[in-house]
């Protein structure tokens, strides 16, 4: 009986530690993504009431492309029929004018997978 209780205690502690570590990892990834986002913030806002040179990126994950009001999207992006899934956002980060030829957005390509992961973690937190 004591060995069962000890085993259950160890299992519970392991699950708790794993959950805590996962949560801490996500927080660290979001923080790294926020640092990378500083490059993006020259044109994109994290305020839902503000569009700047680019649209606000709050809630961008799984949002239909070119769908925010009060922003003049390029015709190419309007016709793209994209939804901003994680896969499409990765493709956009790696080369937006390759994904949507004719888009007006210009940016430094982010091809490093780790940087993309960090930026996606941050975007999910908005």
Protein backbone atom coordinates (compact mmCIF):
# COMPACT_ATOMS: atom_id res chain seq x y z
CA UNK A 1 0.00 0.00 0.00
CA UNK A 2 2.80 2.41 0.90
CA UNK A 3 4.51 1.72 -2.40
CA UNK A 4 1.28 2.54 -4.28
CA UNK A 5 0.94 5.84 -2.40
CA UNK A 6 4.60 6.64 -3.05
CA UNK A 7 4.18 5.79 -6.74
CA UNK A 8 1.07 7.97 -7.03
CA UNK A 9 2.85 10.82 -5.25
CA UNK A 10 5.79 10.59 -7.64
CA UNK A 11 3.42 10.53 -10.63
CA UNK A 12 1.51 13.56 -9.33
CA UNK A 13 4.75 15.47 -8.73
CA UNK A 14 6.00 14.58 -12.21
CA UNK A 15 2.77 15.77 -13.83
CA UNK A 16 2.86 19.01 -11.82
CA UNK A 17 6.50 19.63 -12.69
CA UNK A 18 5.88 18.90 -16.38
CA UNK A 19 2.93 21.29 -16.45
CA UNK A 20 4.94 23.98 -14.70
CA UNK A 21 7.90 23.49 -17.05
CA UNK A 22 5.60 23.63 -20.08
CA UNK A 23 3.99 26.83 -18.79
CA UNK A 24 7.38 28.41 -18.11
CA UNK A 25 8.58 27.38 -21.56
CA UNK A 26 5.56 29.02 -23.18
CA UNK A 27 6.14 32.24 -21.21
CA UNK A 28 9.79 32.26 -22.30
CA UNK A 29 8.81 31.66 -25.93
CA UNK A 30 6.29 34.51 -25.78
CA UNK A 31 8.93 36.82 -24.28
CA UNK A 32 11.38 35.92 -27.06
CA UNK A 33 8.61 36.47 -29.61
CA UNK A 34 7.81 39.85 -28.13
CA UNK A 35 11.46 40.82 -28.66
CA UNK A 36 11.30 39.71 -32.30
CA UNK A 37 7.97 41.52 -32.72
CA UNK A 38 9.73 44.82 -32.04
CA UNK A 39 10.80 44.71 -35.71
CA UNK A 40 7.16 44.21 -36.72
CA UNK A 41 5.84 46.93 -34.40
CA UNK A 42 7.22 49.61 -36.70
CA UNK A 43 4.19 48.82 -38.88
CA UNK A 44 1.85 46.62 -36.81
CA UNK A 45 -0.03 47.49 -33.65
CA UNK A 46 -1.01 45.29 -30.73
CA UNK A 47 -3.93 47.62 -30.06
CA UNK A 48 -7.20 46.47 -31.65
CA UNK A 49 -8.33 50.05 -32.14
CA UNK A 50 -5.24 51.03 -34.13
CA UNK A 51 -4.07 50.18 -37.59
CA UNK A 52 -0.77 51.76 -38.54
CA UNK A 53 1.08 51.08 -41.79
CA UNK A 54 -0.14 47.51 -41.32
CA UNK A 55 -3.20 46.10 -39.58
CA UNK A 56 -3.32 45.21 -35.89
CA UNK A 57 -2.10 41.67 -35.27
CA UNK A 58 -4.26 41.06 -32.20
CA UNK A 59 -6.22 37.89 -32.87
CA UNK A 60 -4.44 37.18 -36.14
CA UNK A 61 -4.20 33.42 -35.54
CA UNK A 62 -6.93 31.73 -37.63
CA UNK A 63 -8.29 35.06 -38.87
CA UNK A 64 -9.22 35.42 -42.54
CA UNK A 65 -6.63 37.50 -44.37
CA UNK A 66 -7.60 41.03 -45.36
CA UNK A 67 -10.60 40.99 -43.04
CA UNK A 68 -10.04 43.80 -40.54
CA UNK A 69 -12.11 46.91 -41.08
CA UNK A 70 -10.45 50.28 -41.46
CA UNK A 71 -7.42 48.94 -43.32
CA UNK A 72 -6.74 49.23 -47.05
CA UNK A 73 -5.38 45.80 -47.95
CA UNK A 74 -3.73 45.12 -51.30
CA UNK A 75 -5.90 43.60 -53.97
CA UNK A 76 -3.58 40.59 -54.01
CA UNK A 77 -4.16 39.89 -50.32
CA UNK A 78 -7.91 40.46 -50.64
CA UNK A 79 -8.08 37.87 -53.40
CA UNK A 80 -5.76 35.39 -51.65
CA UNK A 81 -8.52 33.64 -49.68
CA UNK A 82 -5.92 32.88 -47.00
CA UNK A 83 -6.65 32.19 -43.39
CA UNK A 84 -3.81 33.00 -41.01
CA UNK A 85 -3.17 29.49 -39.76
CA UNK A 86 0.19 28.82 -38.14
CA UNK A 87 1.37 27.17 -41.37
CA UNK A 88 0.35 30.17 -43.49
CA UNK A 89 1.90 32.61 -41.03
CA UNK A 90 5.17 30.67 -41.23
CA UNK A 91 5.04 30.84 -45.02
CA UNK A 92 4.28 34.58 -44.79
CA UNK A 93 7.20 35.17 -42.42
CA UNK A 94 9.56 33.26 -44.70
CA UNK A 95 8.54 35.22 -47.79
CA UNK A 96 5.31 37.15 -47.93
CA UNK A 97 5.73 38.18 -51.55
CA UNK A 98 6.28 34.53 -52.46
CA UNK A 99 3.10 33.47 -50.65
CA UNK A 100 1.05 36.38 -52.03
CA UNK A 101 2.69 37.93 -55.10
CA UNK A 102 1.64 41.57 -55.39
CA UNK A 103 1.24 42.21 -51.68
CA UNK A 104 2.29 45.67 -50.55
CA UNK A 105 3.89 44.52 -47.30
CA UNK A 106 7.66 44.59 -47.21
CA UNK A 107 9.60 43.09 -44.37
CA UNK A 108 12.78 41.32 -43.45
CA UNK A 109 12.24 37.62 -44.01
CA UNK A 110 12.20 35.41 -40.92
CA UNK A 111 13.39 32.02 -42.08
CA UNK A 112 14.79 30.76 -38.77
CA UNK A 113 12.35 28.16 -37.43
CA UNK A 114 13.07 29.04 -33.78
CA UNK A 115 12.35 32.72 -34.41
CA UNK A 116 9.13 31.77 -36.18
CA UNK A 117 8.16 29.62 -33.18
CA UNK A 118 8.82 32.49 -30.78
CA UNK A 119 6.90 34.98 -32.89
CA UNK A 120 3.94 32.59 -33.24
CA UNK A 121 3.91 32.03 -29.46
CA UNK A 122 3.75 35.81 -28.98
CA UNK A 123 1.04 36.29 -31.60
CA UNK A 124 -1.05 33.57 -29.91
CA UNK A 125 -0.80 35.50 -26.65
CA UNK A 126 -2.29 38.69 -28.12
